[in-house]
Amino acid sequence: MARSRAKDYDDKRLLILHRSAQLFAESGYVGTSMNTIADGCNVSKALLYHYYQDKEALLFDILSAHLEKLVAAVQKADDETATPQARLKTVIGTFLEQYRHADAEHQVQIASLKLLPKDKQQPLLAKERILVDILADALAAARPSVNHKRVLKPLTMTVFGMLNWHYLWFREGGSMTRAEYAEFVTRLVLSGAADAAATLTRSNGKSKPASKGRQKELL
């Protein structure tokens, strides 16, 4: 007869994932051992192995859970019936709000996803592409002039850079709230994107607008 799971199995697993993400963010994936993780989670090594057979399985689940939550939140927030400017601000604000309690997971995503075997990277990269597509669509809707193959990808990646690396300087309770930073990034993009796009299109002649299908190919 199969052994039944404890009632708090999922709670303990989530605790292990979050604490492991913190340890990976602090010391690096390579520099963190299963012994260190067990100690950091206040569990025995035997119990840790009951949940995860190795660090690779832990890393995959950390990133999968983080990206699934992020995709669900951004998809829910992405309202194509809103004004394009409001839609963009909401999407940007949702990313920042989701990072509020997931700085460690976010740092691990940036630094360690590439350390997984290629077959395990693929489903995670597919989730990342969903996020890229949503932001790219919102940007193209808010500023149609950026909907060109030489402009949309660099603009999308630039905005992700402003969001993904905010943890290096942003402090809760500091001079700017997450909502204010979302407003700041949105206004910065809306005020400067058209001029930046014009510079690129002039330097390479007239570019053709990218369809939504083409956007996904470019990104």
C-alpha atoms as a PDB file:
ATOM      1  CA  MET A   1       0.000   0.000   0.000  1.00  0.00           C
ATOM      2  CA  ALA A   2       1.386   3.397  -0.990  1.00  0.00           C
ATOM      3  CA  ARG A   3       2.476   5.644   1.842  1.00  0.00           C
ATOM      4  CA  SER A   4       0.124   8.617   2.252  1.00  0.00           C
ATOM      5  CA  ARG A   5       1.492  12.161   2.367  1.00  0.00           C
ATOM      6  CA  ALA A   6       1.412  14.219   5.529  1.00  0.00           C
ATOM      7  CA  LYS A   7      -1.287  16.904   5.630  1.00  0.00           C
ATOM      8  CA  ASP A   8       1.356  19.635   5.729  1.00  0.00           C
ATOM      9  CA  TYR A   9       3.430  18.148   2.895  1.00  0.00           C
ATOM     10  CA  ASP A  10       2.769  20.997   0.452  1.00  0.00           C
ATOM     11  CA  ASP A  11       3.346  23.669   3.095  1.00  0.00           C
ATOM     12  CA  LYS A  12       6.715  22.163   3.982  1.00  0.00           C
ATOM     13  CA  ARG A  13       7.643  21.849   0.312  1.00  0.00           C
ATOM     14  CA  LEU A  14       6.891  25.530  -0.310  1.00  0.00           C
ATOM     15  CA  LEU A  15       8.903  26.494   2.754  1.00  0.00           C
ATOM     16  CA  ILE A  16      11.847  24.441   1.479  1.00  0.00           C
ATOM     17  CA  LEU A  17      11.574  26.058  -1.960  1.00  0.00           C
ATOM     18  CA  HIS A  18      11.517  29.601  -0.600  1.00  0.00           C
ATOM     19  CA  ARG A  19      14.353  29.078   1.858  1.00  0.00           C
ATOM     20  CA  SER A  20      16.424  27.293  -0.799  1.00  0.00           C
ATOM     21  CA  ALA A  21      15.875  30.229  -3.156  1.00  0.00           C
ATOM     22  CA  GLN A  22      17.178  32.581  -0.456  1.00  0.00           C
ATOM     23  CA  LEU A  23      20.263  30.421   0.034  1.00  0.00           C
ATOM     24  CA  PHE A  24      20.902  30.171  -3.720  1.00  0.00           C
ATOM     25  CA  ALA A  25      20.544  33.963  -4.011  1.00  0.00           C
ATOM     26  CA  GLU A  26      22.949  34.542  -1.119  1.00  0.00           C
ATOM     27  CA  SER A  27      25.664  31.984  -1.922  1.00  0.00           C
ATOM     28  CA  GLY A  28      24.984  30.922  -5.487  1.00  0.00           C
ATOM     29  CA  TYR A  29      23.537  27.660  -6.751  1.00  0.00           C
ATOM     30  CA  VAL A  30      26.942  26.024  -7.126  1.00  0.00           C
ATOM     31  CA  GLY A  31      28.108  27.203  -3.701  1.00  0.00           C
ATOM     32  CA  THR A  32      25.086  25.864  -1.810  1.00  0.00           C
ATOM     33  CA  SER A  33      25.070  22.218  -0.719  1.00  0.00           C
ATOM     34  CA  MET A  34      22.148  20.010   0.247  1.00  0.00           C
ATOM     35  CA  ASN A  35      23.597  19.984   3.773  1.00  0.00           C
ATOM     36  CA  THR A  36      23.437  23.784   3.856  1.00  0.00           C
ATOM     37  CA  ILE A  37      19.861  23.718   2.592  1.00  0.00           C
ATOM     38  CA  ALA A  38      18.811  21.168   5.220  1.00  0.00           C
ATOM     39  CA  ASP A  39      20.379  23.293   7.961  1.00  0.00           C
ATOM     40  CA  GLY A  40      18.831  26.468   6.563  1.00  0.00           C
ATOM     41  CA  CYS A  41      15.383  24.867   6.478  1.00  0.00           C
ATOM     42  CA  ASN A  42      15.788  23.368   9.964  1.00  0.00           C
ATOM     43  CA  VAL A  43      15.073  19.881   8.657  1.00  0.00           C
ATOM     44  CA  SER A  44      17.084  16.692   8.600  1.00  0.00           C
ATOM     45  CA  LYS A  45      18.961  15.782   5.453  1.00  0.00           C
ATOM     46  CA  ALA A  46      16.817  12.647   5.229  1.00  0.00           C
ATOM     47  CA  LEU A  47      13.628  14.726   5.257  1.00  0.00           C
ATOM     48  CA  LEU A  48      15.034  17.087   2.619  1.00  0.00           C
ATOM     49  CA  TYR A  49      15.782  14.126   0.341  1.00  0.00           C
ATOM     50  CA  HIS A  50      12.218  12.919   0.920  1.00  0.00           C
ATOM     51  CA  TYR A  51      11.115  16.073  -0.914  1.00  0.00           C
ATOM     52  CA  TYR A  52      13.964  16.555  -3.374  1.00  0.00           C
ATOM     53  CA  GLN A  53      16.537  14.064  -4.555  1.00  0.00           C
ATOM     54  CA  ASP A  54      19.071  16.717  -5.576  1.00  0.00           C
ATOM     55  CA  LYS A  55      19.716  20.438  -6.070  1.00  0.00           C
ATOM     56  CA  GLU A  56      18.730  20.262  -9.722  1.00  0.00           C
ATOM     57  CA  ALA A  57      15.206  19.159  -8.846  1.00  0.00           C
ATOM     58  CA  LEU A  58      15.036  21.920  -6.237  1.00  0.00           C
ATOM     59  CA  LEU A  59      16.204  24.590  -8.677  1.00  0.00           C
ATOM     60  CA  PHE A  60      13.724  23.496 -11.324  1.00  0.00           C
ATOM     61  CA  ASP A  61      10.797  23.596  -8.904  1.00  0.00           C
ATOM     62  CA  ILE A  62      11.844  27.002  -7.524  1.00  0.00           C
ATOM     63  CA  LEU A  63      11.874  28.492 -11.013  1.00  0.00           C
ATOM     64  CA  SER A  64       8.791  26.657 -12.262  1.00  0.00           C
ATOM     65  CA  ALA A  65       6.676  27.755  -9.295  1.00  0.00           C
ATOM     66  CA  HIS A  66       7.958  31.335  -9.529  1.00  0.00           C
ATOM     67  CA  LEU A  67       7.324  31.646 -13.260  1.00  0.00           C
ATOM     68  CA  GLU A  68       3.906  29.986 -13.090  1.00  0.00           C
ATOM     69  CA  LYS A  69       2.809  32.481 -10.450  1.00  0.00           C
ATOM     70  CA  LEU A  70       4.256  35.386 -12.435  1.00  0.00           C
ATOM     71  CA  VAL A  71       2.613  34.324 -15.706  1.00  0.00           C
ATOM     72  CA  ALA A  72      -0.768  33.856 -14.009  1.00  0.00           C
ATOM     73  CA  ALA A  73      -0.610  37.291 -12.372  1.00  0.00           C
ATOM     74  CA  VAL A  74       0.520  39.156 -15.496  1.00  0.00           C
ATOM     75  CA  GLN A  75      -2.010  37.393 -17.736  1.00  0.00           C
ATOM     76  CA  LYS A  76      -4.793  38.264 -15.301  1.00  0.00           C
ATOM     77  CA  ALA A  77      -3.694  41.911 -15.118  1.00  0.00           C
ATOM     78  CA  ASP A  78      -3.233  42.368 -18.881  1.00  0.00           C
ATOM     79  CA  ASP A  79      -6.452  44.119 -19.907  1.00  0.00           C
ATOM     80  CA  GLU A  80      -6.589  44.715 -23.652  1.00  0.00           C
ATOM     81  CA  THR A  81      -9.833  46.689 -23.218  1.00  0.00           C
ATOM     82  CA  ALA A  82      -8.086  49.362 -21.133  1.00  0.00           C
ATOM     83  CA  THR A  83      -6.424  52.375 -22.719  1.00  0.00           C
ATOM     84  CA  PRO A  84      -3.011  51.350 -24.109  1.00  0.00           C
ATOM     85  CA  GLN A  85      -1.186  53.583 -21.638  1.00  0.00           C
ATOM     86  CA  ALA A  86      -3.130  52.221 -18.650  1.00  0.00           C
ATOM     87  CA  ARG A  87      -2.603  48.669 -19.877  1.00  0.00           C
ATOM     88  CA  LEU A  88       1.160  49.182 -20.072  1.00  0.00           C
ATOM     89  CA  LYS A  89       1.334  50.727 -16.612  1.00  0.00           C
ATOM     90  CA  THR A  90      -0.700  47.863 -15.148  1.00  0.00           C
ATOM     91  CA  VAL A  91       1.522  45.219 -16.733  1.00  0.00           C
ATOM     92  CA  ILE A  92       4.685  46.948 -15.504  1.00  0.00           C
ATOM     93  CA  GLY A  93       3.196  47.452 -12.047  1.00  0.00           C
ATOM     94  CA  THR A  94       2.183  43.801 -11.840  1.00  0.00           C
ATOM     95  CA  PHE A  95       5.733  42.637 -12.497  1.00  0.00           C
ATOM     96  CA  LEU A  96       7.046  44.882  -9.730  1.00  0.00           C
ATOM     97  CA  GLU A  97       4.342  43.853  -7.282  1.00  0.00           C
ATOM     98  CA  GLN A  98       4.970  40.156  -7.921  1.00  0.00           C
ATOM     99  CA  TYR A  99       8.667  40.678  -7.212  1.00  0.00           C
ATOM    100  CA  ARG A 100       7.816  42.169  -3.793  1.00  0.00           C
ATOM    101  CA  HIS A 101       8.056  38.871  -1.906  1.00  0.00           C
ATOM    102  CA  ALA A 102      10.044  36.958  -4.512  1.00  0.00           C
ATOM    103  CA  ASP A 103      13.344  38.825  -4.798  1.00  0.00           C
ATOM    104  CA  ALA A 104      15.294  35.648  -4.054  1.00  0.00           C
ATOM    105  CA  GLU A 105      13.402  33.571  -6.623  1.00  0.00           C
ATOM    106  CA  HIS A 106      13.809  36.372  -9.147  1.00  0.00           C
ATOM    107  CA  GLN A 107      17.570  36.560  -8.582  1.00  0.00           C
ATOM    108  CA  VAL A 108      17.856  32.787  -8.930  1.00  0.00           C
ATOM    109  CA  GLN A 109      15.918  32.950 -12.197  1.00  0.00           C
ATOM    110  CA  ILE A 110      18.345  35.498 -13.621  1.00  0.00           C
ATOM    111  CA  ALA A 111      21.522  33.795 -12.407  1.00  0.00           C
ATOM    112  CA  SER A 112      20.827  30.076 -12.403  1.00  0.00           C
ATOM    113  CA  LEU A 113      18.225  29.042 -14.980  1.00  0.00           C
ATOM    114  CA  LYS A 114      21.029  28.565 -17.474  1.00  0.00           C
ATOM    115  CA  LEU A 115      22.669  26.009 -15.170  1.00  0.00           C
ATOM    116  CA  LEU A 116      19.873  23.500 -15.691  1.00  0.00           C
ATOM    117  CA  PRO A 117      20.111  20.862 -18.440  1.00  0.00           C
ATOM    118  CA  LYS A 118      18.684  22.058 -21.757  1.00  0.00           C
ATOM    119  CA  ASP A 119      15.618  19.819 -21.552  1.00  0.00           C
ATOM    120  CA  LYS A 120      14.678  21.308 -18.189  1.00  0.00           C
ATOM    121  CA  GLN A 121      15.337  24.851 -19.379  1.00  0.00           C
ATOM    122  CA  GLN A 122      12.833  24.597 -22.226  1.00  0.00           C
ATOM    123  CA  PRO A 123       9.539  24.665 -20.243  1.00  0.00           C
ATOM    124  CA  LEU A 124      10.887  27.531 -18.136  1.00  0.00           C
ATOM    125  CA  LEU A 125      12.000  29.508 -21.174  1.00  0.00           C
ATOM    126  CA  ALA A 126       8.544  28.966 -22.678  1.00  0.00           C
ATOM    127  CA  LYS A 127       7.029  30.659 -19.613  1.00  0.00           C
ATOM    128  CA  GLU A 128       9.512  33.524 -19.951  1.00  0.00           C
ATOM    129  CA  ARG A 129       8.493  33.969 -23.598  1.00  0.00           C
ATOM    130  CA  ILE A 130       4.854  34.341 -22.545  1.00  0.00           C
ATOM    131  CA  LEU A 131       5.885  37.233 -20.301  1.00  0.00           C
ATOM    132  CA  VAL A 132       7.982  38.804 -23.057  1.00  0.00           C
ATOM    133  CA  ASP A 133       5.081  38.571 -25.506  1.00  0.00           C
ATOM    134  CA  ILE A 134       2.672  40.261 -23.086  1.00  0.00           C
ATOM    135  CA  LEU A 135       5.015  43.185 -22.421  1.00  0.00           C
ATOM    136  CA  ALA A 136       5.881  43.530 -26.118  1.00  0.00           C
ATOM    137  CA  ASP A 137       2.198  43.619 -27.084  1.00  0.00           C
ATOM    138  CA  ALA A 138       1.493  46.251 -24.419  1.00  0.00           C
ATOM    139  CA  LEU A 139       4.416  48.383 -25.600  1.00  0.00           C
ATOM    140  CA  ALA A 140       3.378  48.132 -29.252  1.00  0.00           C
ATOM    141  CA  ALA A 141      -0.190  49.106 -28.364  1.00  0.00           C
ATOM    142  CA  ALA A 142       0.906  52.087 -26.265  1.00  0.00           C
ATOM    143  CA  ARG A 143       3.407  53.343 -28.837  1.00  0.00           C
ATOM    144  CA  PRO A 144       2.603  51.992 -32.338  1.00  0.00           C
ATOM    145  CA  SER A 145       5.756  53.665 -33.685  1.00  0.00           C
ATOM    146  CA  VAL A 146       7.887  51.048 -31.874  1.00  0.00           C
ATOM    147  CA  ASN A 147       6.155  48.164 -33.638  1.00  0.00           C
ATOM    148  CA  HIS A 148       9.107  47.572 -35.971  1.00  0.00           C
ATOM    149  CA  LYS A 149      11.484  44.658 -35.953  1.00  0.00           C
ATOM    150  CA  ARG A 150      14.560  46.788 -35.142  1.00  0.00           C
ATOM    151  CA  VAL A 151      12.826  48.578 -32.273  1.00  0.00           C
ATOM    152  CA  LEU A 152      10.368  46.345 -30.432  1.00  0.00           C
ATOM    153  CA  LYS A 153      12.815  43.727 -29.192  1.00  0.00           C
ATOM    154  CA  PRO A 154      15.452  46.153 -27.815  1.00  0.00           C
ATOM    155  CA  LEU A 155      12.733  48.287 -26.232  1.00  0.00           C
ATOM    156  CA  THR A 156      11.095  45.265 -24.595  1.00  0.00           C
ATOM    157  CA  MET A 157      14.419  44.005 -23.264  1.00  0.00           C
ATOM    158  CA  THR A 158      15.297  47.507 -22.026  1.00  0.00           C
ATOM    159  CA  VAL A 159      12.092  47.678 -20.002  1.00  0.00           C
ATOM    160  CA  PHE A 160      12.748  44.210 -18.601  1.00  0.00           C
ATOM    161  CA  GLY A 161      16.194  45.448 -17.617  1.00  0.00           C
ATOM    162  CA  MET A 162      14.647  48.283 -15.614  1.00  0.00           C
ATOM    163  CA  LEU A 163      12.310  45.823 -13.897  1.00  0.00           C
ATOM    164  CA  ASN A 164      14.550  42.786 -13.476  1.00  0.00           C
ATOM    165  CA  TRP A 165      17.461  44.617 -11.880  1.00  0.00           C
ATOM    166  CA  HIS A 166      15.506  46.969  -9.638  1.00  0.00           C
ATOM    167  CA  TYR A 167      16.312  44.781  -6.624  1.00  0.00           C
ATOM    168  CA  LEU A 168      19.915  46.039  -6.722  1.00  0.00           C
ATOM    169  CA  TRP A 169      18.869  49.508  -5.585  1.00  0.00           C
ATOM    170  CA  PHE A 170      15.188  49.473  -4.619  1.00  0.00           C
ATOM    171  CA  ARG A 171      14.409  49.452  -0.903  1.00  0.00           C
ATOM    172  CA  GLU A 172      10.971  49.017   0.657  1.00  0.00           C
ATOM    173  CA  GLY A 173      10.112  52.155   2.616  1.00  0.00           C
ATOM    174  CA  GLY A 174      12.625  54.199   0.636  1.00  0.00           C
ATOM    175  CA  SER A 175      12.110  57.335  -1.429  1.00  0.00           C
ATOM    176  CA  MET A 176       9.972  55.581  -4.057  1.00  0.00           C
ATOM    177  CA  THR A 177       7.194  53.005  -3.827  1.00  0.00           C
ATOM    178  CA  ARG A 178       6.736  50.182  -6.316  1.00  0.00           C
ATOM    179  CA  ALA A 179       3.650  51.913  -7.700  1.00  0.00           C
ATOM    180  CA  GLU A 180       5.638  55.119  -8.171  1.00  0.00           C
ATOM    181  CA  TYR A 181       8.432  53.246  -9.910  1.00  0.00           C
ATOM    182  CA  ALA A 182       5.880  51.603 -12.220  1.00  0.00           C
ATOM    183  CA  GLU A 183       4.590  55.083 -13.078  1.00  0.00           C
ATOM    184  CA  PHE A 184       8.163  56.324 -13.569  1.00  0.00           C
ATOM    185  CA  VAL A 185       9.091  53.498 -15.961  1.00  0.00           C
ATOM    186  CA  THR A 186       5.832  53.844 -17.888  1.00  0.00           C
ATOM    187  CA  ARG A 187       6.225  57.600 -18.371  1.00  0.00           C
ATOM    188  CA  LEU A 188       9.883  57.208 -19.290  1.00  0.00           C
ATOM    189  CA  VAL A 189       8.993  54.688 -21.990  1.00  0.00           C
ATOM    190  CA  LEU A 190       6.009  56.619 -23.314  1.00  0.00           C
ATOM    191  CA  SER A 191       7.911  59.902 -23.501  1.00  0.00           C
ATOM    192  CA  GLY A 192      11.066  58.541 -25.095  1.00  0.00           C
ATOM    193  CA  ALA A 193      10.142  55.458 -27.103  1.00  0.00           C
ATOM    194  CA  ALA A 194       8.925  57.288 -30.196  1.00  0.00           C
ATOM    195  CA  ASP A 195      12.107  59.372 -30.526  1.00  0.00           C
ATOM    196  CA  ALA A 196      14.291  56.319 -29.959  1.00  0.00           C
ATOM    197  CA  ALA A 197      12.322  54.382 -32.566  1.00  0.00           C
ATOM    198  CA  ALA A 198      12.655  57.227 -35.062  1.00  0.00           C
ATOM    199  CA  THR A 199      16.424  57.261 -34.589  1.00  0.00           C
ATOM    200  CA  LEU A 200      16.701  53.556 -35.338  1.00  0.00           C
ATOM    201  CA  THR A 201      14.357  53.577 -38.309  1.00  0.00           C
ATOM    202  CA  ARG A 202      16.138  56.594 -39.855  1.00  0.00           C
ATOM    203  CA  SER A 203      19.513  54.917 -39.493  1.00  0.00           C
ATOM    204  CA  ASN A 204      18.373  51.863 -41.428  1.00  0.00           C
ATOM    205  CA  GLY A 205      15.765  53.200 -43.780  1.00  0.00           C
ATOM    206  CA  LYS A 206      12.042  52.570 -43.448  1.00  0.00           C
ATOM    207  CA  SER A 207      11.136  49.510 -41.380  1.00  0.00           C
ATOM    208  CA  LYS A 208       7.964  47.505 -41.741  1.00  0.00           C
ATOM    209  CA  PRO A 209       5.643  47.167 -38.742  1.00  0.00           C
ATOM    210  CA  ALA A 210       5.801  43.780 -37.044  1.00  0.00           C
ATOM    211  CA  SER A 211       2.608  41.755 -36.887  1.00  0.00           C
ATOM    212  CA  LYS A 212       1.762  39.991 -33.626  1.00  0.00           C
ATOM    213  CA  GLY A 213       2.958  36.720 -35.127  1.00  0.00           C
ATOM    214  CA  ARG A 214       6.163  38.364 -36.273  1.00  0.00           C
ATOM    215  CA  GLN A 215       6.610  39.973 -32.847  1.00  0.00           C
ATOM    216  CA  LYS A 216       6.763  36.514 -31.302  1.00  0.00           C
ATOM    217  CA  GLU A 217       9.366  35.408 -33.840  1.00  0.00           C
ATOM    218  CA  LEU A 218      11.491  38.458 -33.047  1.00  0.00           C
ATOM    219  CA  LEU A 219      11.247  37.980 -29.282  1.00  0.00           C
END
